[in-house]
Amino acid sequence: MNKTVCIYPKDESTDFLSPLYDFLCEKGCEGWHKDTTENTDEAYALIKEADSIIFLGHGASDTLYGSPQDGEFTVLINETNIQELLYGKRCFILACNSYEFCENYNLTSFIGFGNMPTGIVDVKIAMEADTTFPSLEKEDIDTYDAALVSLLIRAFNVAWLTDMEKLYSKIRLYANVEIGECLINKPCKMFREVADLLQDFKNDCTYCP
């Protein structure tokens, strides 16, 4: 039997993902939502036992982060342990720059993503790096976050990690739906910019069989 584990490190900045996590657990995932600074070995043991991994959290091109400690990211998975934890598994990694993470470590059978400005801090960093990046307010970011959760729940409702290609196609399909709904319903002041960011999310979504 295929075992899927969803690793969701406790972190206030990713609380908006809770509806997605709850939905995945209802669909049959073995959920893990704890503080990784205290329970790292428990998380590693679950990952090693699984055939498929879903990760919900923060990341970079070389690291998946656990729960923050003293305001700083802590490392959960990087070059020191990725081979024993993720090699040979199907991986869905919802974290910033996760497609680069997967490509850098030569993972196979993965779905990864690019940069996702899901919080005020993310927006400030993006604006410092790119002067053309929109100055989003909390309402705009909340709209973006809600759209991400909605499209992923829709995708996982009709596809699973046992068919990664189908899951990938459904993510792109429902991203288009959310973009259209954003432009039609205008749920926030900067709805056009939010729609553009959802388009970026879709474009950056990467699948490797």
N, C-alpha and C. Protein backbone atom coordinates (compact mmCIF):
# COMPACT_ATOMS: atom_id res chain seq x y z
N MET A 1 0.84 -1.20 0.00
CA MET A 1 0.00 0.00 0.00
C MET A 1 0.87 1.25 0.00
N ASN A 2 0.52 2.21 -0.85
CA ASN A 2 1.28 3.45 -0.93
C ASN A 2 1.02 4.31 0.31
N LYS A 3 2.11 4.72 0.95
CA LYS A 3 1.98 5.56 2.14
C LYS A 3 2.43 6.98 1.81
N THR A 4 1.55 7.93 2.07
CA THR A 4 1.85 9.34 1.84
C THR A 4 1.88 10.07 3.17
N VAL A 5 2.96 10.80 3.40
CA VAL A 5 3.12 11.58 4.62
C VAL A 5 3.14 13.06 4.26
N CYS A 6 2.42 13.86 5.02
CA CYS A 6 2.43 15.31 4.84
C CYS A 6 3.17 15.95 6.01
N ILE A 7 4.32 16.54 5.73
CA ILE A 7 5.14 17.20 6.74
C ILE A 7 4.84 18.70 6.70
N TYR A 8 4.34 19.23 7.80
CA TYR A 8 3.89 20.62 7.88
C TYR A 8 4.43 21.23 9.17
N PRO A 9 5.68 21.72 9.16
CA PRO A 9 6.28 22.26 10.38
C PRO A 9 5.46 23.41 10.97
N LYS A 10 5.34 23.42 12.28
CA LYS A 10 4.62 24.52 12.93
C LYS A 10 5.35 25.84 12.68
N ASP A 11 4.60 26.83 12.21
CA ASP A 11 5.16 28.13 11.88
C ASP A 11 3.98 29.07 11.63
N GLU A 12 3.89 30.14 12.40
CA GLU A 12 2.75 31.04 12.27
C GLU A 12 2.62 31.59 10.85
N SER A 13 3.74 31.76 10.17
CA SER A 13 3.70 32.36 8.84
C SER A 13 3.09 31.44 7.78
N THR A 14 2.91 30.17 8.12
CA THR A 14 2.27 29.25 7.17
C THR A 14 0.93 28.72 7.69
N ASP A 15 0.37 29.40 8.68
CA ASP A 15 -0.92 28.98 9.22
C ASP A 15 -2.02 28.98 8.15
N PHE A 16 -1.87 29.82 7.13
CA PHE A 16 -2.90 29.89 6.09
C PHE A 16 -3.04 28.57 5.32
N LEU A 17 -2.04 27.70 5.44
CA LEU A 17 -2.07 26.41 4.76
C LEU A 17 -2.85 25.35 5.53
N SER A 18 -3.34 25.69 6.71
CA SER A 18 -4.04 24.70 7.54
C SER A 18 -5.22 24.03 6.83
N PRO A 19 -6.06 24.77 6.08
CA PRO A 19 -7.16 24.08 5.37
C PRO A 19 -6.67 23.05 4.37
N LEU A 20 -5.55 23.33 3.71
CA LEU A 20 -4.97 22.36 2.78
C LEU A 20 -4.47 21.14 3.53
N TYR A 21 -3.76 21.37 4.62
CA TYR A 21 -3.25 20.26 5.44
C TYR A 21 -4.40 19.38 5.94
N ASP A 22 -5.45 20.01 6.45
CA ASP A 22 -6.60 19.24 6.95
C ASP A 22 -7.23 18.42 5.83
N PHE A 23 -7.34 19.02 4.65
CA PHE A 23 -7.94 18.31 3.52
C PHE A 23 -7.09 17.10 3.13
N LEU A 24 -5.77 17.28 3.09
CA LEU A 24 -4.88 16.19 2.72
C LEU A 24 -4.97 15.04 3.72
N CYS A 25 -5.09 15.38 4.99
CA CYS A 25 -5.23 14.33 6.01
C CYS A 25 -6.55 13.58 5.84
N GLU A 26 -7.60 14.31 5.48
CA GLU A 26 -8.90 13.66 5.23
C GLU A 26 -8.83 12.73 4.02
N LYS A 27 -7.95 13.06 3.07
CA LYS A 27 -7.80 12.25 1.86
C LYS A 27 -6.94 11.01 2.09
N GLY A 28 -6.33 10.90 3.27
CA GLY A 28 -5.57 9.70 3.57
C GLY A 28 -4.11 9.89 3.89
N CYS A 29 -3.64 11.15 3.86
CA CYS A 29 -2.25 11.41 4.26
C CYS A 29 -2.07 11.14 5.75
N GLU A 30 -0.88 10.68 6.10
CA GLU A 30 -0.51 10.67 7.51
C GLU A 30 0.09 12.03 7.81
N GLY A 31 -0.63 12.84 8.56
CA GLY A 31 -0.20 14.21 8.80
C GLY A 31 0.79 14.33 9.94
N TRP A 32 1.68 15.31 9.81
CA TRP A 32 2.65 15.61 10.87
C TRP A 32 2.78 17.12 10.94
N HIS A 33 2.23 17.71 12.01
CA HIS A 33 2.23 19.17 12.17
C HIS A 33 2.70 19.50 13.58
N LYS A 34 4.02 19.55 13.73
CA LYS A 34 4.63 19.79 15.04
C LYS A 34 5.80 20.75 14.90
N ASP A 35 6.36 21.13 16.04
CA ASP A 35 7.55 21.97 16.07
C ASP A 35 8.77 21.10 15.77
N THR A 36 9.42 21.37 14.66
CA THR A 36 10.54 20.51 14.26
C THR A 36 11.77 20.69 15.14
N THR A 37 11.84 21.79 15.88
CA THR A 37 13.01 21.97 16.75
C THR A 37 13.00 20.98 17.91
N GLU A 38 11.83 20.38 18.17
CA GLU A 38 11.71 19.43 19.27
C GLU A 38 11.43 18.01 18.80
N ASN A 39 11.01 17.84 17.55
CA ASN A 39 10.56 16.53 17.09
C ASN A 39 11.18 16.11 15.76
N THR A 40 12.39 16.57 15.49
CA THR A 40 13.01 16.30 14.19
C THR A 40 13.12 14.82 13.89
N ASP A 41 13.57 14.04 14.85
CA ASP A 41 13.75 12.60 14.62
C ASP A 41 12.44 11.92 14.27
N GLU A 42 11.36 12.37 14.87
CA GLU A 42 10.04 11.81 14.59
C GLU A 42 9.65 12.09 13.14
N ALA A 43 9.91 13.32 12.69
CA ALA A 43 9.61 13.68 11.29
C ALA A 43 10.45 12.85 10.33
N TYR A 44 11.72 12.71 10.63
CA TYR A 44 12.61 11.93 9.75
C TYR A 44 12.15 10.47 9.65
N ALA A 45 11.74 9.91 10.77
CA ALA A 45 11.29 8.51 10.77
C ALA A 45 10.07 8.33 9.87
N LEU A 46 9.14 9.26 9.94
CA LEU A 46 7.94 9.18 9.09
C LEU A 46 8.30 9.31 7.61
N ILE A 47 9.21 10.23 7.30
CA ILE A 47 9.62 10.43 5.91
C ILE A 47 10.26 9.16 5.36
N LYS A 48 11.11 8.54 6.15
CA LYS A 48 11.81 7.33 5.68
C LYS A 48 10.84 6.19 5.40
N GLU A 49 9.74 6.12 6.13
CA GLU A 49 8.77 5.04 5.96
C GLU A 49 7.84 5.26 4.76
N ALA A 50 7.78 6.50 4.27
CA ALA A 50 6.78 6.86 3.26
C ALA A 50 7.24 6.56 1.84
N ASP A 51 6.27 6.35 0.97
CA ASP A 51 6.52 6.23 -0.47
C ASP A 51 6.40 7.58 -1.15
N SER A 52 5.52 8.43 -0.62
CA SER A 52 5.29 9.76 -1.18
C SER A 52 5.33 10.80 -0.06
N ILE A 53 5.90 11.96 -0.39
CA ILE A 53 6.06 13.02 0.60
C ILE A 53 5.38 14.29 0.12
N ILE A 54 4.59 14.90 0.98
CA ILE A 54 4.08 16.25 0.76
C ILE A 54 4.71 17.13 1.83
N PHE A 55 5.34 18.21 1.40
CA PHE A 55 5.94 19.16 2.34
C PHE A 55 5.26 20.51 2.17
N LEU A 56 4.81 21.07 3.28
CA LEU A 56 4.18 22.39 3.29
C LEU A 56 4.99 23.29 4.21
N GLY A 57 5.69 24.27 3.66
CA GLY A 57 6.49 25.13 4.51
C GLY A 57 7.38 26.07 3.72
N HIS A 58 8.50 26.41 4.34
CA HIS A 58 9.45 27.34 3.72
C HIS A 58 10.63 26.57 3.13
N GLY A 59 11.21 27.15 2.11
CA GLY A 59 12.36 26.50 1.49
C GLY A 59 13.23 27.46 0.72
N ALA A 60 14.32 26.93 0.22
CA ALA A 60 15.25 27.66 -0.64
C ALA A 60 15.77 26.66 -1.66
N SER A 61 16.64 27.11 -2.53
CA SER A 61 17.12 26.23 -3.60
C SER A 61 17.99 25.09 -3.09
N ASP A 62 18.42 25.17 -1.82
CA ASP A 62 19.27 24.10 -1.28
C ASP A 62 18.78 23.53 0.05
N THR A 63 17.62 24.02 0.54
CA THR A 63 17.18 23.64 1.89
C THR A 63 15.66 23.65 2.00
N LEU A 64 15.13 22.69 2.77
CA LEU A 64 13.76 22.77 3.25
C LEU A 64 13.83 23.07 4.74
N TYR A 65 13.09 24.08 5.17
CA TYR A 65 13.21 24.55 6.54
C TYR A 65 12.16 23.93 7.45
N GLY A 66 12.53 23.83 8.73
CA GLY A 66 11.60 23.40 9.74
C GLY A 66 11.02 24.60 10.47
N SER A 67 10.57 24.39 11.68
CA SER A 67 9.99 25.48 12.47
C SER A 67 11.06 26.51 12.82
N PRO A 68 10.69 27.80 12.88
CA PRO A 68 11.67 28.82 13.24
C PRO A 68 12.05 28.74 14.72
N GLN A 69 13.24 29.19 15.01
CA GLN A 69 13.71 29.25 16.40
C GLN A 69 14.40 30.59 16.59
N ASP A 70 13.92 31.36 17.57
CA ASP A 70 14.46 32.70 17.83
C ASP A 70 14.42 33.56 16.57
N GLY A 71 13.34 33.41 15.81
CA GLY A 71 13.16 34.24 14.63
C GLY A 71 13.95 33.83 13.41
N GLU A 72 14.67 32.73 13.49
CA GLU A 72 15.50 32.27 12.38
C GLU A 72 15.02 30.90 11.90
N PHE A 73 15.17 30.66 10.59
CA PHE A 73 14.83 29.36 10.04
C PHE A 73 15.76 28.28 10.60
N THR A 74 15.23 27.09 10.78
CA THR A 74 16.06 25.94 11.12
C THR A 74 16.02 24.96 9.95
N VAL A 75 17.10 24.23 9.76
CA VAL A 75 17.21 23.32 8.63
C VAL A 75 16.52 22.00 8.95
N LEU A 76 15.69 21.54 8.02
CA LEU A 76 15.07 20.22 8.15
C LEU A 76 15.71 19.24 7.17
N ILE A 77 15.80 19.64 5.91
CA ILE A 77 16.41 18.79 4.88
C ILE A 77 17.36 19.62 4.03
N ASN A 78 18.59 19.13 3.88
CA ASN A 78 19.56 19.77 2.98
C ASN A 78 20.50 18.71 2.44
N GLU A 79 21.65 19.12 1.97
CA GLU A 79 22.57 18.18 1.32
C GLU A 79 23.06 17.07 2.24
N THR A 80 22.98 17.29 3.55
CA THR A 80 23.51 16.29 4.49
C THR A 80 22.60 15.08 4.66
N ASN A 81 21.31 15.25 4.38
CA ASN A 81 20.38 14.14 4.64
C ASN A 81 19.37 13.87 3.53
N ILE A 82 19.45 14.62 2.45
CA ILE A 82 18.42 14.47 1.42
C ILE A 82 18.42 13.09 0.78
N GLN A 83 19.59 12.50 0.62
CA GLN A 83 19.65 11.20 -0.05
C GLN A 83 18.89 10.14 0.73
N GLU A 84 19.08 10.08 2.03
CA GLU A 84 18.41 9.06 2.84
C GLU A 84 16.93 9.35 3.05
N LEU A 85 16.53 10.62 2.88
CA LEU A 85 15.14 10.99 3.16
C LEU A 85 14.24 11.04 1.92
N LEU A 86 14.74 11.58 0.82
CA LEU A 86 13.85 11.84 -0.32
C LEU A 86 14.16 11.08 -1.59
N TYR A 87 15.36 10.53 -1.72
CA TYR A 87 15.68 9.84 -2.97
C TYR A 87 14.76 8.63 -3.17
N GLY A 88 14.26 8.48 -4.38
CA GLY A 88 13.40 7.35 -4.72
C GLY A 88 11.95 7.52 -4.33
N LYS A 89 11.58 8.70 -3.83
CA LYS A 89 10.19 8.94 -3.41
C LYS A 89 9.52 9.95 -4.33
N ARG A 90 8.20 9.89 -4.39
CA ARG A 90 7.43 10.93 -5.06
C ARG A 90 7.30 12.11 -4.10
N CYS A 91 7.62 13.30 -4.59
CA CYS A 91 7.66 14.47 -3.71
C CYS A 91 6.83 15.63 -4.26
N PHE A 92 5.95 16.15 -3.43
CA PHE A 92 5.23 17.38 -3.71
C PHE A 92 5.70 18.38 -2.67
N ILE A 93 6.44 19.40 -3.11
CA ILE A 93 7.08 20.30 -2.16
C ILE A 93 6.56 21.72 -2.37
N LEU A 94 5.65 22.14 -1.50
CA LEU A 94 5.10 23.49 -1.57
C LEU A 94 5.96 24.40 -0.69
N ALA A 95 6.98 24.94 -1.30
CA ALA A 95 7.92 25.83 -0.62
C ALA A 95 8.58 26.70 -1.67
N CYS A 96 9.02 27.87 -1.28
CA CYS A 96 9.68 28.76 -2.23
C CYS A 96 10.91 28.09 -2.84
N ASN A 97 11.01 28.23 -4.16
CA ASN A 97 12.16 27.73 -4.92
C ASN A 97 12.36 26.23 -4.79
N SER A 98 11.27 25.51 -4.56
CA SER A 98 11.40 24.06 -4.37
C SER A 98 11.71 23.34 -5.68
N TYR A 99 11.34 23.93 -6.83
CA TYR A 99 11.70 23.25 -8.07
C TYR A 99 13.20 23.30 -8.27
N GLU A 100 13.86 24.39 -7.84
CA GLU A 100 15.32 24.46 -7.90
C GLU A 100 15.94 23.49 -6.91
N PHE A 101 15.34 23.37 -5.74
CA PHE A 101 15.80 22.42 -4.73
C PHE A 101 15.80 21.01 -5.32
N CYS A 102 14.69 20.63 -5.94
CA CYS A 102 14.58 19.29 -6.52
C CYS A 102 15.57 19.07 -7.66
N GLU A 103 15.72 20.08 -8.50
CA GLU A 103 16.65 19.96 -9.63
C GLU A 103 18.10 19.93 -9.16
N ASN A 104 18.42 20.76 -8.17
CA ASN A 104 19.80 20.81 -7.67
C ASN A 104 20.25 19.48 -7.09
N TYR A 105 19.31 18.76 -6.46
CA TYR A 105 19.65 17.49 -5.83
C TYR A 105 19.25 16.28 -6.68
N ASN A 106 18.88 16.56 -7.94
CA ASN A 106 18.57 15.48 -8.90
C ASN A 106 17.46 14.55 -8.41
N LEU A 107 16.44 15.12 -7.78
CA LEU A 107 15.29 14.31 -7.40
C LEU A 107 14.49 13.96 -8.66
N THR A 108 13.86 12.82 -8.63
CA THR A 108 12.97 12.43 -9.72
C THR A 108 11.56 12.29 -9.17
N SER A 109 10.58 12.39 -10.04
CA SER A 109 9.17 12.29 -9.67
C SER A 109 8.82 13.33 -8.60
N PHE A 110 8.86 14.60 -9.01
CA PHE A 110 8.55 15.68 -8.08
C PHE A 110 7.68 16.74 -8.74
N ILE A 111 6.98 17.48 -7.90
CA ILE A 111 6.33 18.73 -8.29
C ILE A 111 6.87 19.80 -7.35
N GLY A 112 7.44 20.85 -7.95
CA GLY A 112 8.02 21.93 -7.17
C GLY A 112 7.54 23.28 -7.67
N PHE A 113 7.92 24.32 -6.95
CA PHE A 113 7.40 25.66 -7.24
C PHE A 113 8.50 26.70 -7.16
N GLY A 114 8.18 27.91 -7.61
CA GLY A 114 9.12 29.02 -7.57
C GLY A 114 8.92 29.87 -6.33
N ASN A 115 9.15 31.16 -6.48
CA ASN A 115 8.98 32.07 -5.35
C ASN A 115 7.50 32.36 -5.14
N MET A 116 7.06 32.33 -3.88
CA MET A 116 5.66 32.58 -3.56
C MET A 116 5.57 33.62 -2.44
N PRO A 117 5.16 34.84 -2.76
CA PRO A 117 5.08 35.90 -1.74
C PRO A 117 3.83 35.76 -0.88
N THR A 118 3.89 34.89 0.10
CA THR A 118 2.71 34.57 0.91
C THR A 118 2.62 35.37 2.20
N GLY A 119 3.54 36.31 2.42
CA GLY A 119 3.52 37.12 3.62
C GLY A 119 4.14 38.48 3.38
N ILE A 120 3.94 39.40 4.32
CA ILE A 120 4.47 40.75 4.19
C ILE A 120 5.99 40.73 4.05
N VAL A 121 6.65 39.88 4.82
CA VAL A 121 8.12 39.80 4.75
C VAL A 121 8.56 39.37 3.36
N ASP A 122 7.86 38.39 2.78
CA ASP A 122 8.20 37.93 1.43
C ASP A 122 8.06 39.07 0.42
N VAL A 123 7.02 39.86 0.57
CA VAL A 123 6.80 40.98 -0.35
C VAL A 123 7.91 42.02 -0.22
N LYS A 124 8.30 42.34 1.01
CA LYS A 124 9.37 43.31 1.22
C LYS A 124 10.68 42.84 0.61
N ILE A 125 10.99 41.56 0.78
CA ILE A 125 12.21 41.00 0.20
C ILE A 125 12.15 41.07 -1.32
N ALA A 126 11.00 40.72 -1.87
CA ALA A 126 10.83 40.75 -3.33
C ALA A 126 10.96 42.17 -3.87
N MET A 127 10.44 43.15 -3.15
CA MET A 127 10.52 44.55 -3.58
C MET A 127 11.95 45.07 -3.53
N GLU A 128 12.72 44.59 -2.55
CA GLU A 128 14.12 44.99 -2.47
C GLU A 128 14.93 44.42 -3.63
N ALA A 129 14.57 43.22 -4.05
CA ALA A 129 15.29 42.56 -5.14
C ALA A 129 14.82 43.03 -6.51
N ASP A 130 13.57 43.49 -6.59
CA ASP A 130 12.98 43.89 -7.87
C ASP A 130 12.11 45.12 -7.65
N THR A 131 12.55 46.26 -8.14
CA THR A 131 11.82 47.51 -7.91
C THR A 131 10.46 47.54 -8.59
N THR A 132 10.22 46.63 -9.53
CA THR A 132 8.93 46.59 -10.21
C THR A 132 7.92 45.69 -9.49
N PHE A 133 8.36 45.01 -8.44
CA PHE A 133 7.44 44.11 -7.72
C PHE A 133 6.37 44.94 -7.02
N PRO A 134 5.10 44.53 -7.13
CA PRO A 134 4.01 45.34 -6.57
C PRO A 134 4.05 45.43 -5.05
N SER A 135 3.68 46.60 -4.54
CA SER A 135 3.62 46.84 -3.10
C SER A 135 2.28 46.36 -2.57
N LEU A 136 2.22 45.09 -2.26
CA LEU A 136 0.96 44.47 -1.83
C LEU A 136 0.66 44.77 -0.37
N GLU A 137 -0.62 44.95 -0.08
CA GLU A 137 -1.08 45.10 1.29
C GLU A 137 -1.57 43.75 1.81
N LYS A 138 -1.90 43.70 3.10
CA LYS A 138 -2.31 42.43 3.72
C LYS A 138 -3.52 41.83 3.00
N GLU A 139 -4.49 42.66 2.61
CA GLU A 139 -5.68 42.16 1.93
C GLU A 139 -5.30 41.46 0.62
N ASP A 140 -4.34 42.03 -0.09
CA ASP A 140 -3.90 41.44 -1.36
C ASP A 140 -3.21 40.10 -1.12
N ILE A 141 -2.34 40.06 -0.11
CA ILE A 141 -1.61 38.83 0.20
C ILE A 141 -2.58 37.74 0.66
N ASP A 142 -3.55 38.13 1.48
CA ASP A 142 -4.55 37.16 1.94
C ASP A 142 -5.33 36.58 0.76
N THR A 143 -5.62 37.42 -0.23
CA THR A 143 -6.32 36.95 -1.43
C THR A 143 -5.47 35.95 -2.19
N TYR A 144 -4.20 36.26 -2.33
CA TYR A 144 -3.26 35.36 -3.01
C TYR A 144 -3.16 34.03 -2.27
N ASP A 145 -2.98 34.10 -0.95
CA ASP A 145 -2.84 32.87 -0.15
C ASP A 145 -4.09 32.00 -0.26
N ALA A 146 -5.25 32.63 -0.17
CA ALA A 146 -6.51 31.88 -0.24
C ALA A 146 -6.67 31.21 -1.60
N ALA A 147 -6.24 31.90 -2.66
CA ALA A 147 -6.33 31.33 -4.00
C ALA A 147 -5.42 30.12 -4.14
N LEU A 148 -4.20 30.20 -3.57
CA LEU A 148 -3.29 29.05 -3.63
C LEU A 148 -3.89 27.84 -2.94
N VAL A 149 -4.42 28.05 -1.75
CA VAL A 149 -5.01 26.95 -1.00
C VAL A 149 -6.20 26.37 -1.76
N SER A 150 -7.03 27.23 -2.31
CA SER A 150 -8.22 26.78 -3.04
C SER A 150 -7.85 25.94 -4.25
N LEU A 151 -6.90 26.42 -5.05
CA LEU A 151 -6.56 25.68 -6.28
C LEU A 151 -5.89 24.35 -5.96
N LEU A 152 -5.11 24.30 -4.89
CA LEU A 152 -4.45 23.05 -4.53
C LEU A 152 -5.44 22.04 -3.96
N ILE A 153 -6.40 22.50 -3.18
CA ILE A 153 -7.44 21.59 -2.69
C ILE A 153 -8.24 21.04 -3.86
N ARG A 154 -8.57 21.90 -4.80
CA ARG A 154 -9.30 21.44 -5.99
C ARG A 154 -8.50 20.39 -6.76
N ALA A 155 -7.20 20.65 -6.90
CA ALA A 155 -6.36 19.71 -7.65
C ALA A 155 -6.24 18.37 -6.93
N PHE A 156 -5.98 18.41 -5.62
CA PHE A 156 -5.83 17.17 -4.86
C PHE A 156 -7.16 16.42 -4.72
N ASN A 157 -8.25 17.10 -4.92
CA ASN A 157 -9.55 16.45 -4.84
C ASN A 157 -9.79 15.50 -6.02
N VAL A 158 -9.10 15.75 -7.13
CA VAL A 158 -9.32 14.93 -8.33
C VAL A 158 -8.05 14.20 -8.79
N ALA A 159 -6.93 14.42 -8.11
CA ALA A 159 -5.67 13.76 -8.50
C ALA A 159 -4.83 13.54 -7.25
N TRP A 160 -3.86 12.62 -7.37
CA TRP A 160 -3.04 12.28 -6.21
C TRP A 160 -1.60 12.03 -6.66
N LEU A 161 -0.71 11.80 -5.71
CA LEU A 161 0.70 11.63 -6.04
C LEU A 161 0.98 10.33 -6.79
N THR A 162 0.04 9.42 -6.78
CA THR A 162 0.21 8.19 -7.56
C THR A 162 0.13 8.47 -9.06
N ASP A 163 -0.38 9.63 -9.44
CA ASP A 163 -0.39 10.07 -10.84
C ASP A 163 0.06 11.53 -10.86
N MET A 164 1.38 11.73 -10.78
CA MET A 164 1.95 13.07 -10.66
C MET A 164 1.64 13.94 -11.87
N GLU A 165 1.64 13.35 -13.05
CA GLU A 165 1.36 14.13 -14.25
C GLU A 165 -0.05 14.71 -14.23
N LYS A 166 -1.01 13.89 -13.79
CA LYS A 166 -2.39 14.37 -13.68
C LYS A 166 -2.50 15.46 -12.62
N LEU A 167 -1.84 15.26 -11.48
CA LEU A 167 -1.87 16.26 -10.42
C LEU A 167 -1.30 17.58 -10.91
N TYR A 168 -0.19 17.51 -11.62
CA TYR A 168 0.44 18.71 -12.18
C TYR A 168 -0.51 19.44 -13.13
N SER A 169 -1.16 18.69 -14.00
CA SER A 169 -2.08 19.32 -14.97
C SER A 169 -3.28 19.94 -14.27
N LYS A 170 -3.75 19.32 -13.19
CA LYS A 170 -4.89 19.87 -12.46
C LYS A 170 -4.49 21.13 -11.69
N ILE A 171 -3.28 21.17 -11.18
CA ILE A 171 -2.80 22.38 -10.51
C ILE A 171 -2.81 23.55 -11.48
N ARG A 172 -2.31 23.33 -12.68
CA ARG A 172 -2.29 24.38 -13.69
C ARG A 172 -3.71 24.77 -14.12
N LEU A 173 -4.58 23.78 -14.24
CA LEU A 173 -5.96 24.06 -14.61
C LEU A 173 -6.64 24.94 -13.58
N TYR A 174 -6.54 24.56 -12.30
CA TYR A 174 -7.24 25.32 -11.27
C TYR A 174 -6.55 26.64 -10.95
N ALA A 175 -5.27 26.76 -11.30
CA ALA A 175 -4.62 28.07 -11.22
C ALA A 175 -5.29 29.02 -12.21
N ASN A 176 -5.56 28.53 -13.40
CA ASN A 176 -6.27 29.35 -14.40
C ASN A 176 -7.65 29.76 -13.90
N VAL A 177 -8.33 28.83 -13.23
CA VAL A 177 -9.66 29.13 -12.69
C VAL A 177 -9.56 30.25 -11.65
N GLU A 178 -8.58 30.15 -10.75
CA GLU A 178 -8.42 31.17 -9.71
C GLU A 178 -8.03 32.52 -10.31
N ILE A 179 -7.21 32.50 -11.35
CA ILE A 179 -6.84 33.75 -12.02
C ILE A 179 -8.08 34.41 -12.60
N GLY A 180 -8.90 33.62 -13.28
CA GLY A 180 -10.13 34.16 -13.85
C GLY A 180 -11.07 34.71 -12.81
N GLU A 181 -11.23 33.97 -11.70
CA GLU A 181 -12.12 34.43 -10.64
C GLU A 181 -11.61 35.71 -9.99
N CYS A 182 -10.28 35.82 -9.88
CA CYS A 182 -9.69 37.02 -9.30
C CYS A 182 -9.96 38.24 -10.18
N LEU A 183 -9.81 38.08 -11.47
CA LEU A 183 -10.03 39.20 -12.40
C LEU A 183 -11.51 39.58 -12.50
N ILE A 184 -12.38 38.60 -12.39
CA ILE A 184 -13.82 38.87 -12.50
C ILE A 184 -14.39 39.45 -11.20
N ASN A 185 -14.03 38.83 -10.08
CA ASN A 185 -14.63 39.21 -8.80
C ASN A 185 -13.94 40.39 -8.12
N LYS A 186 -12.69 40.67 -8.50
CA LYS A 186 -11.93 41.80 -7.94
C LYS A 186 -11.99 41.81 -6.40
N PRO A 187 -11.48 40.76 -5.76
CA PRO A 187 -11.63 40.61 -4.31
C PRO A 187 -10.74 41.52 -3.47
N CYS A 188 -9.80 42.22 -4.10
CA CYS A 188 -8.90 43.09 -3.36
C CYS A 188 -8.49 44.25 -4.26
N LYS A 189 -7.87 45.25 -3.66
CA LYS A 189 -7.51 46.47 -4.39
C LYS A 189 -6.58 46.17 -5.56
N MET A 190 -5.56 45.35 -5.33
CA MET A 190 -4.57 45.06 -6.36
C MET A 190 -4.84 43.69 -6.99
N PHE A 191 -6.07 43.50 -7.40
CA PHE A 191 -6.48 42.19 -7.92
C PHE A 191 -5.73 41.81 -9.19
N ARG A 192 -5.40 42.80 -10.02
CA ARG A 192 -4.66 42.48 -11.24
C ARG A 192 -3.26 41.97 -10.92
N GLU A 193 -2.61 42.61 -9.95
CA GLU A 193 -1.28 42.18 -9.55
C GLU A 193 -1.32 40.79 -8.91
N VAL A 194 -2.36 40.53 -8.12
CA VAL A 194 -2.52 39.20 -7.53
C VAL A 194 -2.72 38.16 -8.62
N ALA A 195 -3.52 38.49 -9.62
CA ALA A 195 -3.72 37.57 -10.75
C ALA A 195 -2.40 37.29 -11.47
N ASP A 196 -1.57 38.32 -11.61
CA ASP A 196 -0.26 38.14 -12.24
C ASP A 196 0.62 37.19 -11.41
N LEU A 197 0.55 37.33 -10.09
CA LEU A 197 1.34 36.46 -9.22
C LEU A 197 0.84 35.02 -9.28
N LEU A 198 -0.45 34.85 -9.43
CA LEU A 198 -0.99 33.50 -9.60
C LEU A 198 -0.54 32.90 -10.93
N GLN A 199 -0.42 33.75 -11.94
CA GLN A 199 0.11 33.29 -13.22
C GLN A 199 1.57 32.87 -13.07
N ASP A 200 2.34 33.64 -12.29
CA ASP A 200 3.73 33.27 -12.01
C ASP A 200 3.79 31.92 -11.29
N PHE A 201 2.89 31.73 -10.34
CA PHE A 201 2.83 30.46 -9.61
C PHE A 201 2.62 29.31 -10.59
N LYS A 202 1.68 29.48 -11.50
CA LYS A 202 1.40 28.44 -12.49
C LYS A 202 2.60 28.20 -13.40
N ASN A 203 3.21 29.29 -13.86
CA ASN A 203 4.35 29.17 -14.77
C ASN A 203 5.54 28.48 -14.11
N ASP A 204 5.74 28.76 -12.82
CA ASP A 204 6.90 28.21 -12.11
C ASP A 204 6.67 26.78 -11.63
N CYS A 205 5.42 26.35 -11.57
CA CYS A 205 5.12 24.98 -11.15
C CYS A 205 5.82 24.00 -12.10
N THR A 206 6.63 23.13 -11.54
CA THR A 206 7.47 22.24 -12.34
C THR A 206 7.22 20.79 -11.99
N TYR A 207 7.10 19.97 -13.01
CA TYR A 207 6.89 18.53 -12.82
C TYR A 207 8.02 17.76 -13.48
N CYS A 208 8.56 16.80 -12.73
CA CYS A 208 9.57 15.91 -13.28
C CYS A 208 9.09 14.47 -13.06
N PRO A 209 8.93 13.69 -14.13
CA PRO A 209 8.41 12.32 -13.98
C PRO A 209 9.44 11.37 -13.37
